[in-house]
Amino acid sequence: MNVLAAVPGWVALVIGALVIAGALLACIGSAGLLRLDTFYRRVHAPTLGTTLGMYLVLAGTIVFFWAGEGRPALHVILIGVCVSITTPISLLLLARAALARDRREGTAGIPAADPPATGADGGE
């Protein structure tokens, strides 16, 4: 039997709304990548927009499999966990690399690196 035929019409509308909303958020995040002017501003828009968009698309996928097959789609949840872990890490690494490059080049408006903290009294 076709899984799509087993999904009621009202559930299909909910699934469609979740997937379309997620796709729009991902598109808005991608548009922010083009519209914002500095690298540091550009990395936030796609990271935040695509992460929330991904959650909505995954929610639509979970509802689809649950309504069609009668069981949750655990592999979809695993995809969401992996993307949720890797997206902030890649944002952090990209931002740190850009900050190190800008400090090395002496870009205006970039503060110098803070010295390591040695304690409240200045000693060990």
C-alpha atoms as a PDB file:
ATOM      1  CA  MET A   1       0.000   0.000   0.000  1.00  0.00           C
ATOM      2  CA  ASN A   2       1.139   3.506  -0.755  1.00  0.00           C
ATOM      3  CA  VAL A   3       2.139   5.389   2.408  1.00  0.00           C
ATOM      4  CA  LEU A   4       0.766   8.644   1.033  1.00  0.00           C
ATOM      5  CA  ALA A   5      -2.683   7.089   0.555  1.00  0.00           C
ATOM      6  CA  ALA A   6      -2.810   6.199   4.255  1.00  0.00           C
ATOM      7  CA  VAL A   7      -2.332   9.825   5.354  1.00  0.00           C
ATOM      8  CA  PRO A   8      -5.620  11.668   6.052  1.00  0.00           C
ATOM      9  CA  GLY A   9      -6.218  14.969   4.265  1.00  0.00           C
ATOM     10  CA  TRP A  10      -6.026  17.174   7.356  1.00  0.00           C
ATOM     11  CA  VAL A  11      -2.702  15.575   8.335  1.00  0.00           C
ATOM     12  CA  ALA A  12      -1.397  16.212   4.821  1.00  0.00           C
ATOM     13  CA  LEU A  13      -2.260  19.901   5.266  1.00  0.00           C
ATOM     14  CA  VAL A  14      -0.327  20.021   8.558  1.00  0.00           C
ATOM     15  CA  ILE A  15       2.629  18.272   6.930  1.00  0.00           C
ATOM     16  CA  GLY A  16       2.534  20.665   3.982  1.00  0.00           C
ATOM     17  CA  ALA A  17       2.378  23.707   6.282  1.00  0.00           C
ATOM     18  CA  LEU A  18       5.375  22.482   8.316  1.00  0.00           C
ATOM     19  CA  VAL A  19       7.480  21.719   5.257  1.00  0.00           C
ATOM     20  CA  ILE A  20       6.627  25.004   3.503  1.00  0.00           C
ATOM     21  CA  ALA A  21       7.314  27.040   6.668  1.00  0.00           C
ATOM     22  CA  GLY A  22      10.650  25.263   7.095  1.00  0.00           C
ATOM     23  CA  ALA A  23      11.590  25.864   3.478  1.00  0.00           C
ATOM     24  CA  LEU A  24      10.694  29.556   3.779  1.00  0.00           C
ATOM     25  CA  LEU A  25      12.829  29.959   6.900  1.00  0.00           C
ATOM     26  CA  ALA A  26      15.760  28.275   5.190  1.00  0.00           C
ATOM     27  CA  CYS A  27      15.269  30.566   2.186  1.00  0.00           C
ATOM     28  CA  ILE A  28      15.171  33.652   4.427  1.00  0.00           C
ATOM     29  CA  GLY A  29      18.389  32.507   6.099  1.00  0.00           C
ATOM     30  CA  SER A  30      19.996  32.083   2.699  1.00  0.00           C
ATOM     31  CA  ALA A  31      18.823  35.546   1.648  1.00  0.00           C
ATOM     32  CA  GLY A  32      20.478  36.925   4.793  1.00  0.00           C
ATOM     33  CA  LEU A  33      23.721  35.393   3.580  1.00  0.00           C
ATOM     34  CA  LEU A  34      23.494  37.551   0.462  1.00  0.00           C
ATOM     35  CA  ARG A  35      22.136  40.750   2.022  1.00  0.00           C
ATOM     36  CA  LEU A  36      24.296  41.248   5.107  1.00  0.00           C
ATOM     37  CA  ASP A  37      27.523  43.170   4.704  1.00  0.00           C
ATOM     38  CA  THR A  38      30.200  41.686   6.974  1.00  0.00           C
ATOM     39  CA  PHE A  39      31.321  38.098   7.430  1.00  0.00           C
ATOM     40  CA  TYR A  40      30.413  38.082  11.103  1.00  0.00           C
ATOM     41  CA  ARG A  41      26.840  39.112  10.313  1.00  0.00           C
ATOM     42  CA  ARG A  42      26.617  36.722   7.383  1.00  0.00           C
ATOM     43  CA  VAL A  43      27.383  33.602   9.392  1.00  0.00           C
ATOM     44  CA  HIS A  44      24.445  34.099  11.768  1.00  0.00           C
ATOM     45  CA  ALA A  45      21.577  34.379   9.287  1.00  0.00           C
ATOM     46  CA  PRO A  46      22.000  31.039   7.519  1.00  0.00           C
ATOM     47  CA  THR A  47      22.886  29.237  10.725  1.00  0.00           C
ATOM     48  CA  LEU A  48      19.800  30.362  12.613  1.00  0.00           C
ATOM     49  CA  GLY A  49      17.397  30.320   9.664  1.00  0.00           C
ATOM     50  CA  THR A  50      18.368  26.953   8.304  1.00  0.00           C
ATOM     51  CA  THR A  51      18.442  25.333  11.747  1.00  0.00           C
ATOM     52  CA  LEU A  52      14.886  26.380  12.562  1.00  0.00           C
ATOM     53  CA  GLY A  53      13.808  25.556   9.003  1.00  0.00           C
ATOM     54  CA  MET A  54      15.384  22.130   9.335  1.00  0.00           C
ATOM     55  CA  TYR A  55      13.459  21.521  12.582  1.00  0.00           C
ATOM     56  CA  LEU A  56      10.164  22.334  10.858  1.00  0.00           C
ATOM     57  CA  VAL A  57      10.921  20.102   7.863  1.00  0.00           C
ATOM     58  CA  LEU A  58      11.924  17.294  10.223  1.00  0.00           C
ATOM     59  CA  ALA A  59       8.703  17.778  12.192  1.00  0.00           C
ATOM     60  CA  GLY A  60       6.732  17.461   8.954  1.00  0.00           C
ATOM     61  CA  THR A  61       8.663  14.309   8.047  1.00  0.00           C
ATOM     62  CA  ILE A  62       8.060  12.770  11.466  1.00  0.00           C
ATOM     63  CA  VAL A  63       4.327  13.522  11.244  1.00  0.00           C
ATOM     64  CA  PHE A  64       4.233  12.015   7.734  1.00  0.00           C
ATOM     65  CA  PHE A  65       5.844   8.744   8.746  1.00  0.00           C
ATOM     66  CA  TRP A  66       3.841   8.560  11.960  1.00  0.00           C
ATOM     67  CA  ALA A  67       0.528   9.077  10.140  1.00  0.00           C
ATOM     68  CA  GLY A  68       1.457   6.871   7.182  1.00  0.00           C
ATOM     69  CA  GLU A  69       3.200   3.964   8.861  1.00  0.00           C
ATOM     70  CA  GLY A  70       1.977   4.294  12.439  1.00  0.00           C
ATOM     71  CA  ARG A  71       5.463   4.566  13.938  1.00  0.00           C
ATOM     72  CA  PRO A  72       7.860   7.437  14.572  1.00  0.00           C
ATOM     73  CA  ALA A  73      10.732   7.965  12.158  1.00  0.00           C
ATOM     74  CA  LEU A  74      13.706   7.649  14.482  1.00  0.00           C
ATOM     75  CA  HIS A  75      16.233   8.010  11.656  1.00  0.00           C
ATOM     76  CA  VAL A  76      14.851  11.495  10.999  1.00  0.00           C
ATOM     77  CA  ILE A  77      15.418  12.431  14.639  1.00  0.00           C
ATOM     78  CA  LEU A  78      19.013  11.250  14.306  1.00  0.00           C
ATOM     79  CA  ILE A  79      19.477  13.545  11.299  1.00  0.00           C
ATOM     80  CA  GLY A  80      18.168  16.459  13.359  1.00  0.00           C
ATOM     81  CA  VAL A  81      20.537  15.679  16.221  1.00  0.00           C
ATOM     82  CA  CYS A  82      23.546  15.490  13.891  1.00  0.00           C
ATOM     83  CA  VAL A  83      22.697  18.777  12.167  1.00  0.00           C
ATOM     84  CA  SER A  84      21.995  20.458  15.520  1.00  0.00           C
ATOM     85  CA  ILE A  85      25.430  19.463  16.763  1.00  0.00           C
ATOM     86  CA  THR A  86      27.445  20.262  13.636  1.00  0.00           C
ATOM     87  CA  THR A  87      25.872  23.612  12.725  1.00  0.00           C
ATOM     88  CA  PRO A  88      26.928  25.602  15.828  1.00  0.00           C
ATOM     89  CA  ILE A  89      30.347  23.959  15.821  1.00  0.00           C
ATOM     90  CA  SER A  90      30.983  24.947  12.211  1.00  0.00           C
ATOM     91  CA  LEU A  91      29.733  28.487  12.949  1.00  0.00           C
ATOM     92  CA  LEU A  92      32.128  28.756  15.887  1.00  0.00           C
ATOM     93  CA  LEU A  93      35.101  27.450  13.913  1.00  0.00           C
ATOM     94  CA  LEU A  94      34.413  29.753  10.961  1.00  0.00           C
ATOM     95  CA  ALA A  95      34.023  32.794  13.223  1.00  0.00           C
ATOM     96  CA  ARG A  96      37.221  32.000  15.155  1.00  0.00           C
ATOM     97  CA  ALA A  97      39.193  31.510  11.947  1.00  0.00           C
ATOM     98  CA  ALA A  98      37.918  34.819  10.565  1.00  0.00           C
ATOM     99  CA  LEU A  99      38.688  36.599  13.845  1.00  0.00           C
ATOM    100  CA  ALA A 100      42.229  35.212  13.906  1.00  0.00           C
ATOM    101  CA  ARG A 101      42.729  36.277  10.285  1.00  0.00           C
ATOM    102  CA  ASP A 102      41.404  39.785  10.976  1.00  0.00           C
ATOM    103  CA  ARG A 103      43.631  40.166  14.040  1.00  0.00           C
ATOM    104  CA  ARG A 104      46.662  39.000  12.074  1.00  0.00           C
ATOM    105  CA  GLU A 105      45.901  41.474   9.279  1.00  0.00           C
ATOM    106  CA  GLY A 106      45.218  44.309  11.733  1.00  0.00           C
ATOM    107  CA  THR A 107      41.663  44.985  10.550  1.00  0.00           C
ATOM    108  CA  ALA A 108      40.165  48.123  12.077  1.00  0.00           C
ATOM    109  CA  GLY A 109      37.478  47.555  14.701  1.00  0.00           C
ATOM    110  CA  ILE A 110      38.711  44.098  15.726  1.00  0.00           C
ATOM    111  CA  PRO A 111      39.871  44.017  19.368  1.00  0.00           C
ATOM    112  CA  ALA A 112      43.192  42.456  20.270  1.00  0.00           C
ATOM    113  CA  ALA A 113      43.250  39.014  21.807  1.00  0.00           C
ATOM    114  CA  ASP A 114      42.726  38.977  25.562  1.00  0.00           C
ATOM    115  CA  PRO A 115      45.660  37.702  27.619  1.00  0.00           C
ATOM    116  CA  PRO A 116      44.944  34.475  29.506  1.00  0.00           C
ATOM    117  CA  ALA A 117      43.481  34.966  32.980  1.00  0.00           C
ATOM    118  CA  THR A 118      45.872  34.113  35.788  1.00  0.00           C
ATOM    119  CA  GLY A 119      43.510  34.420  38.746  1.00  0.00           C
ATOM    120  CA  ALA A 120      41.987  37.122  40.921  1.00  0.00           C
ATOM    121  CA  ASP A 121      45.214  38.125  42.640  1.00  0.00           C
ATOM    122  CA  GLY A 122      47.329  38.050  39.476  1.00  0.00           C
ATOM    123  CA  GLY A 123      49.374  35.059  40.641  1.00  0.00           C
ATOM    124  CA  GLU A 124      49.094  31.321  40.400  1.00  0.00           C
END
